[in-house]
Amino acid sequence: MNKFLSRKFLIALATLISASWLVCSEHIADGVYSAVVIAVVVAYITGNVAQKKVTPREPQS
């Protein structure tokens, strides 16, 4: 459950929800929505990879 309360996840979720609302209310085009979704997914994955690279690993017993 803690994984779903991370700042990265909540920001990504809020961005996708707001982009979905904007496309449903016809404030943005579907092409813009696609670009936003792709950018959010790439940023989230990149953030996870960077965090795993920077965070020290615990020694294995």
C-alpha atoms as a PDB file:
ATOM      1  CA  MET A   1       0.000   0.000   0.000  1.00  0.00           C
ATOM      2  CA  ASN A   2       2.912   2.326   0.700  1.00  0.00           C
ATOM      3  CA  LYS A   3       3.923   2.119  -2.968  1.00  0.00           C
ATOM      4  CA  PHE A   4       0.635   3.766  -3.978  1.00  0.00           C
ATOM      5  CA  LEU A   5       1.167   6.726  -1.632  1.00  0.00           C
ATOM      6  CA  SER A   6       4.456   7.867  -3.141  1.00  0.00           C
ATOM      7  CA  ARG A   7       4.688  11.421  -4.461  1.00  0.00           C
ATOM      8  CA  LYS A   8       5.685  10.203  -7.929  1.00  0.00           C
ATOM      9  CA  PHE A   9       2.645   7.975  -8.206  1.00  0.00           C
ATOM     10  CA  LEU A  10       0.209  10.578  -6.874  1.00  0.00           C
ATOM     11  CA  ILE A  11       1.537  13.284  -9.219  1.00  0.00           C
ATOM     12  CA  ALA A  12       1.368  10.912 -12.189  1.00  0.00           C
ATOM     13  CA  LEU A  13      -2.165   9.884 -11.250  1.00  0.00           C
ATOM     14  CA  ALA A  14      -3.298  13.502 -10.813  1.00  0.00           C
ATOM     15  CA  THR A  15      -1.791  14.430 -14.179  1.00  0.00           C
ATOM     16  CA  LEU A  16      -3.545  11.568 -15.947  1.00  0.00           C
ATOM     17  CA  ILE A  17      -6.867  12.354 -14.274  1.00  0.00           C
ATOM     18  CA  SER A  18      -6.656  16.035 -15.194  1.00  0.00           C
ATOM     19  CA  ALA A  19      -5.630  15.221 -18.784  1.00  0.00           C
ATOM     20  CA  SER A  20      -8.541  12.788 -19.032  1.00  0.00           C
ATOM     21  CA  TRP A  21     -10.937  15.450 -17.785  1.00  0.00           C
ATOM     22  CA  LEU A  22      -9.531  17.982 -20.262  1.00  0.00           C
ATOM     23  CA  VAL A  23      -9.972  15.633 -23.216  1.00  0.00           C
ATOM     24  CA  CYS A  24     -13.506  14.673 -22.107  1.00  0.00           C
ATOM     25  CA  SER A  25     -14.488  18.328 -21.848  1.00  0.00           C
ATOM     26  CA  GLU A  26     -12.872  18.949 -25.261  1.00  0.00           C
ATOM     27  CA  HIS A  27     -10.334  21.483 -23.985  1.00  0.00           C
ATOM     28  CA  ILE A  28      -7.452  19.508 -25.506  1.00  0.00           C
ATOM     29  CA  ALA A  29      -7.277  17.288 -28.576  1.00  0.00           C
ATOM     30  CA  ASP A  30      -6.756  13.554 -28.440  1.00  0.00           C
ATOM     31  CA  GLY A  31      -3.246  13.926 -29.881  1.00  0.00           C
ATOM     32  CA  VAL A  32      -2.271  16.151 -26.966  1.00  0.00           C
ATOM     33  CA  TYR A  33      -3.767  13.614 -24.568  1.00  0.00           C
ATOM     34  CA  SER A  34      -1.647  10.860 -26.138  1.00  0.00           C
ATOM     35  CA  ALA A  35       1.492  12.950 -25.757  1.00  0.00           C
ATOM     36  CA  VAL A  36       0.682  13.690 -22.106  1.00  0.00           C
ATOM     37  CA  VAL A  37       0.048  10.032 -21.297  1.00  0.00           C
ATOM     38  CA  ILE A  38       3.281   8.939 -22.978  1.00  0.00           C
ATOM     39  CA  ALA A  39       5.263  11.677 -21.215  1.00  0.00           C
ATOM     40  CA  VAL A  40       3.808  10.778 -17.804  1.00  0.00           C
ATOM     41  CA  VAL A  41       4.532   7.069 -18.228  1.00  0.00           C
ATOM     42  CA  VAL A  42       8.097   7.724 -19.414  1.00  0.00           C
ATOM     43  CA  ALA A  43       8.738  10.182 -16.575  1.00  0.00           C
ATOM     44  CA  TYR A  44       7.356   7.757 -13.975  1.00  0.00           C
ATOM     45  CA  ILE A  45       9.458   4.848 -15.242  1.00  0.00           C
ATOM     46  CA  THR A  46      12.565   7.045 -15.498  1.00  0.00           C
ATOM     47  CA  GLY A  47      12.003   8.285 -11.951  1.00  0.00           C
ATOM     48  CA  ASN A  48      11.724   4.738 -10.627  1.00  0.00           C
ATOM     49  CA  VAL A  49      14.895   3.641 -12.411  1.00  0.00           C
ATOM     50  CA  ALA A  50      16.796   6.704 -11.185  1.00  0.00           C
ATOM     51  CA  GLN A  51      15.584   6.159  -7.630  1.00  0.00           C
ATOM     52  CA  LYS A  52      16.726   2.535  -7.663  1.00  0.00           C
ATOM     53  CA  LYS A  53      20.102   3.605  -9.051  1.00  0.00           C
ATOM     54  CA  VAL A  54      20.639   6.279  -6.392  1.00  0.00           C
ATOM     55  CA  THR A  55      19.188   4.441  -3.383  1.00  0.00           C
ATOM     56  CA  PRO A  56      21.770   2.166  -1.750  1.00  0.00           C
ATOM     57  CA  ARG A  57      20.944  -1.505  -1.645  1.00  0.00           C
ATOM     58  CA  GLU A  58      20.735  -3.404   1.599  1.00  0.00           C
ATOM     59  CA  PRO A  59      23.408  -6.063   2.037  1.00  0.00           C
ATOM     60  CA  GLN A  60      22.187  -9.582   1.352  1.00  0.00           C
ATOM     61  CA  SER A  61      22.539 -12.124   4.153  1.00  0.00           C
END
